[in-house]
Amino acid sequence: VNLLLGVVFLGVEDLPVLEGNLDT
């Protein structure tokens, strides 16, 4: 459920989560 909802929210929300670089 967490994985499915996470993928859905990544598709419908403008969340710059994956743009983050951990070192930065």
mmCIF file of all heavy atoms, coordinates in Angstrom:
data_MODEL
# 
_entry.id   MODEL 
# 
loop_
_atom_site.group_PDB 
_atom_site.id 
_atom_site.type_symbol 
_atom_site.label_atom_id 
_atom_site.label_alt_id 
_atom_site.label_comp_id 
_atom_site.label_asym_id 
_atom_site.label_entity_id 
_atom_site.label_seq_id 
_atom_site.pdbx_PDB_ins_code 
_atom_site.Cartn_x 
_atom_site.Cartn_y 
_atom_site.Cartn_z 
_atom_site.occupancy 
_atom_site.B_iso_or_equiv 
_atom_site.pdbx_formal_charge 
_atom_site.auth_seq_id 
_atom_site.auth_comp_id 
_atom_site.auth_asym_id 
_atom_site.auth_atom_id 
_atom_site.pdbx_PDB_model_num 
ATOM 1   N N   . VAL A 1 1  ? 0.839  -1.202 0.000   1.00 0.00 ? 1  VAL A N   1 
ATOM 2   C CA  . VAL A 1 1  ? 0.000  0.000  0.000   1.00 0.00 ? 1  VAL A CA  1 
ATOM 3   C C   . VAL A 1 1  ? 0.872  1.250  0.000   1.00 0.00 ? 1  VAL A C   1 
ATOM 4   O O   . VAL A 1 1  ? 0.615  2.210  -0.739  1.00 0.00 ? 1  VAL A O   1 
ATOM 5   C CB  . VAL A 1 1  ? -0.944 -0.005 1.216   1.00 0.00 ? 1  VAL A CB  1 
ATOM 6   C CG1 . VAL A 1 1  ? -1.648 1.340  1.369   1.00 0.00 ? 1  VAL A CG1 1 
ATOM 7   C CG2 . VAL A 1 1  ? -1.977 -1.116 1.082   1.00 0.00 ? 1  VAL A CG2 1 
ATOM 8   N N   . ASN A 1 2  ? 1.922  1.260  0.822   1.00 0.00 ? 2  ASN A N   1 
ATOM 9   C CA  . ASN A 1 2  ? 2.830  2.408  0.879   1.00 0.00 ? 2  ASN A CA  1 
ATOM 10  C C   . ASN A 1 2  ? 3.503  2.639  -0.469  1.00 0.00 ? 2  ASN A C   1 
ATOM 11  O O   . ASN A 1 2  ? 3.586  3.770  -0.959  1.00 0.00 ? 2  ASN A O   1 
ATOM 12  C CB  . ASN A 1 2  ? 3.867  2.166  1.974   1.00 0.00 ? 2  ASN A CB  1 
ATOM 13  C CG  . ASN A 1 2  ? 4.710  3.403  2.281   1.00 0.00 ? 2  ASN A CG  1 
ATOM 14  O OD1 . ASN A 1 2  ? 5.654  3.353  3.058   1.00 0.00 ? 2  ASN A OD1 1 
ATOM 15  N ND2 . ASN A 1 2  ? 4.380  4.530  1.683   1.00 0.00 ? 2  ASN A ND2 1 
ATOM 16  N N   . LEU A 1 3  ? 3.968  1.557  -1.101  1.00 0.00 ? 3  LEU A N   1 
ATOM 17  C CA  . LEU A 1 3  ? 4.619  1.684  -2.407  1.00 0.00 ? 3  LEU A CA  1 
ATOM 18  C C   . LEU A 1 3  ? 3.640  2.180  -3.473  1.00 0.00 ? 3  LEU A C   1 
ATOM 19  O O   . LEU A 1 3  ? 3.968  3.063  -4.270  1.00 0.00 ? 3  LEU A O   1 
ATOM 20  C CB  . LEU A 1 3  ? 5.217  0.340  -2.825  1.00 0.00 ? 3  LEU A CB  1 
ATOM 21  C CG  . LEU A 1 3  ? 6.480  -0.093 -2.081  1.00 0.00 ? 3  LEU A CG  1 
ATOM 22  C CD1 . LEU A 1 3  ? 6.786  -1.562 -2.381  1.00 0.00 ? 3  LEU A CD1 1 
ATOM 23  C CD2 . LEU A 1 3  ? 7.665  0.778  -2.489  1.00 0.00 ? 3  LEU A CD2 1 
ATOM 24  N N   . LEU A 1 4  ? 2.434  1.619  -3.485  1.00 0.00 ? 4  LEU A N   1 
ATOM 25  C CA  . LEU A 1 4  ? 1.447  2.009  -4.485  1.00 0.00 ? 4  LEU A CA  1 
ATOM 26  C C   . LEU A 1 4  ? 1.048  3.474  -4.320  1.00 0.00 ? 4  LEU A C   1 
ATOM 27  O O   . LEU A 1 4  ? 1.028  4.246  -5.287  1.00 0.00 ? 4  LEU A O   1 
ATOM 28  C CB  . LEU A 1 4  ? 0.216  1.108  -4.380  1.00 0.00 ? 4  LEU A CB  1 
ATOM 29  C CG  . LEU A 1 4  ? -0.938 1.435  -5.339  1.00 0.00 ? 4  LEU A CG  1 
ATOM 30  C CD1 . LEU A 1 4  ? -0.475 1.305  -6.789  1.00 0.00 ? 4  LEU A CD1 1 
ATOM 31  C CD2 . LEU A 1 4  ? -2.127 0.516  -5.078  1.00 0.00 ? 4  LEU A CD2 1 
ATOM 32  N N   . LEU A 1 5  ? 0.735  3.875  -3.077  1.00 0.00 ? 5  LEU A N   1 
ATOM 33  C CA  . LEU A 1 5  ? 0.352  5.266  -2.840  1.00 0.00 ? 5  LEU A CA  1 
ATOM 34  C C   . LEU A 1 5  ? 1.506  6.211  -3.151  1.00 0.00 ? 5  LEU A C   1 
ATOM 35  O O   . LEU A 1 5  ? 1.294  7.306  -3.689  1.00 0.00 ? 5  LEU A O   1 
ATOM 36  C CB  . LEU A 1 5  ? -0.076 5.452  -1.379  1.00 0.00 ? 5  LEU A CB  1 
ATOM 37  C CG  . LEU A 1 5  ? -1.443 4.918  -0.981  1.00 0.00 ? 5  LEU A CG  1 
ATOM 38  C CD1 . LEU A 1 5  ? -1.684 5.170  0.505   1.00 0.00 ? 5  LEU A CD1 1 
ATOM 39  C CD2 . LEU A 1 5  ? -2.548 5.574  -1.805  1.00 0.00 ? 5  LEU A CD2 1 
ATOM 40  N N   . GLY A 1 6  ? 2.726  5.792  -2.800  1.00 0.00 ? 6  GLY A N   1 
ATOM 41  C CA  . GLY A 1 6  ? 3.882  6.632  -3.088  1.00 0.00 ? 6  GLY A CA  1 
ATOM 42  C C   . GLY A 1 6  ? 4.055  6.886  -4.573  1.00 0.00 ? 6  GLY A C   1 
ATOM 43  O O   . GLY A 1 6  ? 4.308  8.019  -4.999  1.00 0.00 ? 6  GLY A O   1 
ATOM 44  N N   . VAL A 1 7  ? 3.899  5.834  -5.376  1.00 0.00 ? 7  VAL A N   1 
ATOM 45  C CA  . VAL A 1 7  ? 4.016  5.983  -6.831  1.00 0.00 ? 7  VAL A CA  1 
ATOM 46  C C   . VAL A 1 7  ? 2.906  6.880  -7.367  1.00 0.00 ? 7  VAL A C   1 
ATOM 47  O O   . VAL A 1 7  ? 3.133  7.745  -8.230  1.00 0.00 ? 7  VAL A O   1 
ATOM 48  C CB  . VAL A 1 7  ? 3.977  4.598  -7.506  1.00 0.00 ? 7  VAL A CB  1 
ATOM 49  C CG1 . VAL A 1 7  ? 3.865  4.741  -9.021  1.00 0.00 ? 7  VAL A CG1 1 
ATOM 50  C CG2 . VAL A 1 7  ? 5.228  3.795  -7.149  1.00 0.00 ? 7  VAL A CG2 1 
ATOM 51  N N   . VAL A 1 8  ? 1.687  6.710  -6.850  1.00 0.00 ? 8  VAL A N   1 
ATOM 52  C CA  . VAL A 1 8  ? 0.558  7.545  -7.293  1.00 0.00 ? 8  VAL A CA  1 
ATOM 53  C C   . VAL A 1 8  ? 0.820  9.015  -6.973  1.00 0.00 ? 8  VAL A C   1 
ATOM 54  O O   . VAL A 1 8  ? 0.639  9.900  -7.811  1.00 0.00 ? 8  VAL A O   1 
ATOM 55  C CB  . VAL A 1 8  ? -0.753 7.063  -6.635  1.00 0.00 ? 8  VAL A CB  1 
ATOM 56  C CG1 . VAL A 1 8  ? -1.875 8.071  -6.888  1.00 0.00 ? 8  VAL A CG1 1 
ATOM 57  C CG2 . VAL A 1 8  ? -1.155 5.699  -7.169  1.00 0.00 ? 8  VAL A CG2 1 
ATOM 58  N N   . PHE A 1 9  ? 1.263  9.295  -5.741  1.00 0.00 ? 9  PHE A N   1 
ATOM 59  C CA  . PHE A 1 9  ? 1.518  10.682 -5.352  1.00 0.00 ? 9  PHE A CA  1 
ATOM 60  C C   . PHE A 1 9  ? 2.660  11.294 -6.148  1.00 0.00 ? 9  PHE A C   1 
ATOM 61  O O   . PHE A 1 9  ? 2.640  12.492 -6.450  1.00 0.00 ? 9  PHE A O   1 
ATOM 62  C CB  . PHE A 1 9  ? 1.814  10.764 -3.848  1.00 0.00 ? 9  PHE A CB  1 
ATOM 63  C CG  . PHE A 1 9  ? 0.580  10.810 -2.988  1.00 0.00 ? 9  PHE A CG  1 
ATOM 64  C CD1 . PHE A 1 9  ? 0.432  9.941  -1.915  1.00 0.00 ? 9  PHE A CD1 1 
ATOM 65  C CD2 . PHE A 1 9  ? -0.426 11.729 -3.238  1.00 0.00 ? 9  PHE A CD2 1 
ATOM 66  C CE1 . PHE A 1 9  ? -0.709 9.983  -1.113  1.00 0.00 ? 9  PHE A CE1 1 
ATOM 67  C CE2 . PHE A 1 9  ? -1.564 11.787 -2.445  1.00 0.00 ? 9  PHE A CE2 1 
ATOM 68  C CZ  . PHE A 1 9  ? -1.706 10.906 -1.377  1.00 0.00 ? 9  PHE A CZ  1 
ATOM 69  N N   . LEU A 1 10 ? 3.667  10.482 -6.475  1.00 0.00 ? 10 LEU A N   1 
ATOM 70  C CA  . LEU A 1 10 ? 4.742  11.001 -7.318  1.00 0.00 ? 10 LEU A CA  1 
ATOM 71  C C   . LEU A 1 10 ? 4.215  11.403 -8.689  1.00 0.00 ? 10 LEU A C   1 
ATOM 72  O O   . LEU A 1 10 ? 4.727  12.336 -9.318  1.00 0.00 ? 10 LEU A O   1 
ATOM 73  C CB  . LEU A 1 10 ? 5.844  9.950  -7.473  1.00 0.00 ? 10 LEU A CB  1 
ATOM 74  C CG  . LEU A 1 10 ? 6.846  9.812  -6.333  1.00 0.00 ? 10 LEU A CG  1 
ATOM 75  C CD1 . LEU A 1 10 ? 7.822  8.682  -6.611  1.00 0.00 ? 10 LEU A CD1 1 
ATOM 76  C CD2 . LEU A 1 10 ? 7.601  11.114 -6.096  1.00 0.00 ? 10 LEU A CD2 1 
ATOM 77  N N   . GLY A 1 11 ? 3.176  10.700 -9.164  1.00 0.00 ? 11 GLY A N   1 
ATOM 78  C CA  . GLY A 1 11 ? 2.618  10.989 -10.474 1.00 0.00 ? 11 GLY A CA  1 
ATOM 79  C C   . GLY A 1 11 ? 1.683  12.183 -10.497 1.00 0.00 ? 11 GLY A C   1 
ATOM 80  O O   . GLY A 1 11 ? 1.618  12.895 -11.504 1.00 0.00 ? 11 GLY A O   1 
ATOM 81  N N   . VAL A 1 12 ? 0.959  12.431 -9.393  1.00 0.00 ? 12 VAL A N   1 
ATOM 82  C CA  . VAL A 1 12 ? -0.069 13.477 -9.406  1.00 0.00 ? 12 VAL A CA  1 
ATOM 83  C C   . VAL A 1 12 ? 0.329  14.727 -8.641  1.00 0.00 ? 12 VAL A C   1 
ATOM 84  O O   . VAL A 1 12 ? -0.292 15.779 -8.805  1.00 0.00 ? 12 VAL A O   1 
ATOM 85  C CB  . VAL A 1 12 ? -1.406 12.943 -8.843  1.00 0.00 ? 12 VAL A CB  1 
ATOM 86  C CG1 . VAL A 1 12 ? -1.893 11.761 -9.656  1.00 0.00 ? 12 VAL A CG1 1 
ATOM 87  C CG2 . VAL A 1 12 ? -1.280 12.573 -7.368  1.00 0.00 ? 12 VAL A CG2 1 
ATOM 88  N N   . GLU A 1 13 ? 1.365  14.642 -7.796  1.00 0.00 ? 13 GLU A N   1 
ATOM 89  C CA  . GLU A 1 13 ? 1.798  15.799 -7.014  1.00 0.00 ? 13 GLU A CA  1 
ATOM 90  C C   . GLU A 1 13 ? 3.153  16.299 -7.507  1.00 0.00 ? 13 GLU A C   1 
ATOM 91  O O   . GLU A 1 13 ? 4.003  15.511 -7.932  1.00 0.00 ? 13 GLU A O   1 
ATOM 92  C CB  . GLU A 1 13 ? 1.911  15.433 -5.529  1.00 0.00 ? 13 GLU A CB  1 
ATOM 93  C CG  . GLU A 1 13 ? 0.579  15.233 -4.838  1.00 0.00 ? 13 GLU A CG  1 
ATOM 94  C CD  . GLU A 1 13 ? -0.190 16.534 -4.650  1.00 0.00 ? 13 GLU A CD  1 
ATOM 95  O OE1 . GLU A 1 13 ? 0.442  17.557 -4.324  1.00 0.00 ? 13 GLU A OE1 1 
ATOM 96  O OE2 . GLU A 1 13 ? -1.420 16.516 -4.836  1.00 0.00 ? 13 GLU A OE2 1 
ATOM 97  N N   . ASP A 1 14 ? 3.341  17.595 -7.418  1.00 0.00 ? 14 ASP A N   1 
ATOM 98  C CA  . ASP A 1 14 ? 4.619  18.199 -7.818  1.00 0.00 ? 14 ASP A CA  1 
ATOM 99  C C   . ASP A 1 14 ? 5.569  18.176 -6.626  1.00 0.00 ? 14 ASP A C   1 
ATOM 100 O O   . ASP A 1 14 ? 5.840  19.200 -5.990  1.00 0.00 ? 14 ASP A O   1 
ATOM 101 C CB  . ASP A 1 14 ? 4.386  19.640 -8.291  1.00 0.00 ? 14 ASP A CB  1 
ATOM 102 C CG  . ASP A 1 14 ? 5.674  20.293 -8.773  1.00 0.00 ? 14 ASP A CG  1 
ATOM 103 O OD1 . ASP A 1 14 ? 6.605  19.549 -9.130  1.00 0.00 ? 14 ASP A OD1 1 
ATOM 104 O OD2 . ASP A 1 14 ? 5.737  21.541 -8.764  1.00 0.00 ? 14 ASP A OD2 1 
ATOM 105 N N   . LEU A 1 15 ? 6.071  16.985 -6.320  1.00 0.00 ? 15 LEU A N   1 
ATOM 106 C CA  . LEU A 1 15 ? 6.968  16.818 -5.183  1.00 0.00 ? 15 LEU A CA  1 
ATOM 107 C C   . LEU A 1 15 ? 8.403  16.624 -5.680  1.00 0.00 ? 15 LEU A C   1 
ATOM 108 O O   . LEU A 1 15 ? 8.689  15.625 -6.342  1.00 0.00 ? 15 LEU A O   1 
ATOM 109 C CB  . LEU A 1 15 ? 6.557  15.608 -4.337  1.00 0.00 ? 15 LEU A CB  1 
ATOM 110 C CG  . LEU A 1 15 ? 5.333  15.771 -3.440  1.00 0.00 ? 15 LEU A CG  1 
ATOM 111 C CD1 . LEU A 1 15 ? 5.001  14.437 -2.787  1.00 0.00 ? 15 LEU A CD1 1 
ATOM 112 C CD2 . LEU A 1 15 ? 5.558  16.834 -2.390  1.00 0.00 ? 15 LEU A CD2 1 
ATOM 113 N N   . PRO A 1 16 ? 9.307  17.543 -5.361  1.00 0.00 ? 16 PRO A N   1 
ATOM 114 C CA  . PRO A 1 16 ? 10.695 17.420 -5.832  1.00 0.00 ? 16 PRO A CA  1 
ATOM 115 C C   . PRO A 1 16 ? 11.522 16.480 -4.962  1.00 0.00 ? 16 PRO A C   1 
ATOM 116 O O   . PRO A 1 16 ? 12.656 16.774 -4.611  1.00 0.00 ? 16 PRO A O   1 
ATOM 117 C CB  . PRO A 1 16 ? 11.204 18.866 -5.730  1.00 0.00 ? 16 PRO A CB  1 
ATOM 118 C CG  . PRO A 1 16 ? 10.439 19.436 -4.586  1.00 0.00 ? 16 PRO A CG  1 
ATOM 119 C CD  . PRO A 1 16 ? 9.077  18.787 -4.625  1.00 0.00 ? 16 PRO A CD  1 
ATOM 120 N N   . VAL A 1 17 ? 10.944 15.345 -4.615  1.00 0.00 ? 17 VAL A N   1 
ATOM 121 C CA  . VAL A 1 17 ? 11.626 14.413 -3.717  1.00 0.00 ? 17 VAL A CA  1 
ATOM 122 C C   . VAL A 1 17 ? 12.829 13.787 -4.401  1.00 0.00 ? 17 VAL A C   1 
ATOM 123 O O   . VAL A 1 17 ? 13.935 13.747 -3.853  1.00 0.00 ? 17 VAL A O   1 
ATOM 124 C CB  . VAL A 1 17 ? 10.652 13.312 -3.244  1.00 0.00 ? 17 VAL A CB  1 
ATOM 125 C CG1 . VAL A 1 17 ? 11.378 12.316 -2.357  1.00 0.00 ? 17 VAL A CG1 1 
ATOM 126 C CG2 . VAL A 1 17 ? 9.500  13.927 -2.477  1.00 0.00 ? 17 VAL A CG2 1 
ATOM 127 N N   . LEU A 1 18 ? 12.643 13.320 -5.625  1.00 0.00 ? 18 LEU A N   1 
ATOM 128 C CA  . LEU A 1 18 ? 13.705 12.604 -6.320  1.00 0.00 ? 18 LEU A CA  1 
ATOM 129 C C   . LEU A 1 18 ? 14.765 13.525 -6.891  1.00 0.00 ? 18 LEU A C   1 
ATOM 130 O O   . LEU A 1 18 ? 15.776 13.053 -7.415  1.00 0.00 ? 18 LEU A O   1 
ATOM 131 C CB  . LEU A 1 18 ? 13.098 11.742 -7.435  1.00 0.00 ? 18 LEU A CB  1 
ATOM 132 C CG  . LEU A 1 18 ? 12.092 10.681 -6.968  1.00 0.00 ? 18 LEU A CG  1 
ATOM 133 C CD1 . LEU A 1 18 ? 11.557 9.901  -8.159  1.00 0.00 ? 18 LEU A CD1 1 
ATOM 134 C CD2 . LEU A 1 18 ? 12.735 9.736  -5.962  1.00 0.00 ? 18 LEU A CD2 1 
ATOM 135 N N   . GLU A 1 19 ? 14.548 14.839 -6.801  1.00 0.00 ? 19 GLU A N   1 
ATOM 136 C CA  . GLU A 1 19 ? 15.546 15.793 -7.273  1.00 0.00 ? 19 GLU A CA  1 
ATOM 137 C C   . GLU A 1 19 ? 16.631 16.022 -6.231  1.00 0.00 ? 19 GLU A C   1 
ATOM 138 O O   . GLU A 1 19 ? 17.645 16.656 -6.509  1.00 0.00 ? 19 GLU A O   1 
ATOM 139 C CB  . GLU A 1 19 ? 14.880 17.127 -7.624  1.00 0.00 ? 19 GLU A CB  1 
ATOM 140 C CG  . GLU A 1 19 ? 13.852 17.019 -8.740  1.00 0.00 ? 19 GLU A CG  1 
ATOM 141 C CD  . GLU A 1 19 ? 13.091 18.318 -8.916  1.00 0.00 ? 19 GLU A CD  1 
ATOM 142 O OE1 . GLU A 1 19 ? 13.500 19.336 -8.312  1.00 0.00 ? 19 GLU A OE1 1 
ATOM 143 O OE2 . GLU A 1 19 ? 12.081 18.314 -9.636  1.00 0.00 ? 19 GLU A OE2 1 
ATOM 144 N N   . GLY A 1 20 ? 16.416 15.552 -5.016  1.00 0.00 ? 20 GLY A N   1 
ATOM 145 C CA  . GLY A 1 20 ? 17.363 15.810 -3.945  1.00 0.00 ? 20 GLY A CA  1 
ATOM 146 C C   . GLY A 1 20 ? 18.598 14.932 -4.042  1.00 0.00 ? 20 GLY A C   1 
ATOM 147 O O   . GLY A 1 20 ? 18.505 13.736 -4.289  1.00 0.00 ? 20 GLY A O   1 
ATOM 148 N N   . ASN A 1 21 ? 19.755 15.538 -3.865  1.00 0.00 ? 21 ASN A N   1 
ATOM 149 C CA  . ASN A 1 21 ? 21.015 14.814 -3.778  1.00 0.00 ? 21 ASN A CA  1 
ATOM 150 C C   . ASN A 1 21 ? 21.409 14.754 -2.310  1.00 0.00 ? 21 ASN A C   1 
ATOM 151 O O   . ASN A 1 21 ? 21.487 15.779 -1.635  1.00 0.00 ? 21 ASN A O   1 
ATOM 152 C CB  . ASN A 1 21 ? 22.091 15.542 -4.585  1.00 0.00 ? 21 ASN A CB  1 
ATOM 153 C CG  . ASN A 1 21 ? 23.437 14.844 -4.524  1.00 0.00 ? 21 ASN A CG  1 
ATOM 154 O OD1 . ASN A 1 21 ? 24.134 14.913 -3.520  1.00 0.00 ? 21 ASN A OD1 1 
ATOM 155 N ND2 . ASN A 1 21 ? 23.795 14.172 -5.610  1.00 0.00 ? 21 ASN A ND2 1 
ATOM 156 N N   . LEU A 1 22 ? 21.645 13.547 -1.800  1.00 0.00 ? 22 LEU A N   1 
ATOM 157 C CA  . LEU A 1 22 ? 21.873 13.397 -0.366  1.00 0.00 ? 22 LEU A CA  1 
ATOM 158 C C   . LEU A 1 22 ? 23.073 14.208 0.111   1.00 0.00 ? 22 LEU A C   1 
ATOM 159 O O   . LEU A 1 22 ? 23.049 14.776 1.204   1.00 0.00 ? 22 LEU A O   1 
ATOM 160 C CB  . LEU A 1 22 ? 22.054 11.913 -0.017  1.00 0.00 ? 22 LEU A CB  1 
ATOM 161 C CG  . LEU A 1 22 ? 20.810 11.037 -0.194  1.00 0.00 ? 22 LEU A CG  1 
ATOM 162 C CD1 . LEU A 1 22 ? 21.118 9.610  0.221   1.00 0.00 ? 22 LEU A CD1 1 
ATOM 163 C CD2 . LEU A 1 22 ? 19.638 11.583 0.611   1.00 0.00 ? 22 LEU A CD2 1 
ATOM 164 N N   . ASP A 1 23 ? 24.140 14.288 -0.688  1.00 0.00 ? 23 ASP A N   1 
ATOM 165 C CA  . ASP A 1 23 ? 25.304 15.073 -0.288  1.00 0.00 ? 23 ASP A CA  1 
ATOM 166 C C   . ASP A 1 23 ? 24.959 16.560 -0.215  1.00 0.00 ? 23 ASP A C   1 
ATOM 167 O O   . ASP A 1 23 ? 25.378 17.272 0.704   1.00 0.00 ? 23 ASP A O   1 
ATOM 168 C CB  . ASP A 1 23 ? 26.452 14.855 -1.269  1.00 0.00 ? 23 ASP A CB  1 
ATOM 169 C CG  . ASP A 1 23 ? 27.024 13.444 -1.181  1.00 0.00 ? 23 ASP A CG  1 
ATOM 170 O OD1 . ASP A 1 23 ? 26.967 12.859 -0.074  1.00 0.00 ? 23 ASP A OD1 1 
ATOM 171 O OD2 . ASP A 1 23 ? 27.510 12.932 -2.201  1.00 0.00 ? 23 ASP A OD2 1 
ATOM 172 N N   . THR A 1 24 ? 24.169 17.026 -1.187  1.00 0.00 ? 24 THR A N   1 
ATOM 173 C CA  . THR A 1 24 ? 23.754 18.428 -1.182  1.00 0.00 ? 24 THR A CA  1 
ATOM 174 C C   . THR A 1 24 ? 22.862 18.717 0.012   1.00 0.00 ? 24 THR A C   1 
ATOM 175 O O   . THR A 1 24 ? 22.970 19.765 0.662   1.00 0.00 ? 24 THR A O   1 
ATOM 176 C CB  . THR A 1 24 ? 23.010 18.773 -2.483  1.00 0.00 ? 24 THR A CB  1 
ATOM 177 O OG1 . THR A 1 24 ? 23.859 18.474 -3.595  1.00 0.00 ? 24 THR A OG1 1 
ATOM 178 C CG2 . THR A 1 24 ? 22.620 20.234 -2.516  1.00 0.00 ? 24 THR A CG2 1 
# 
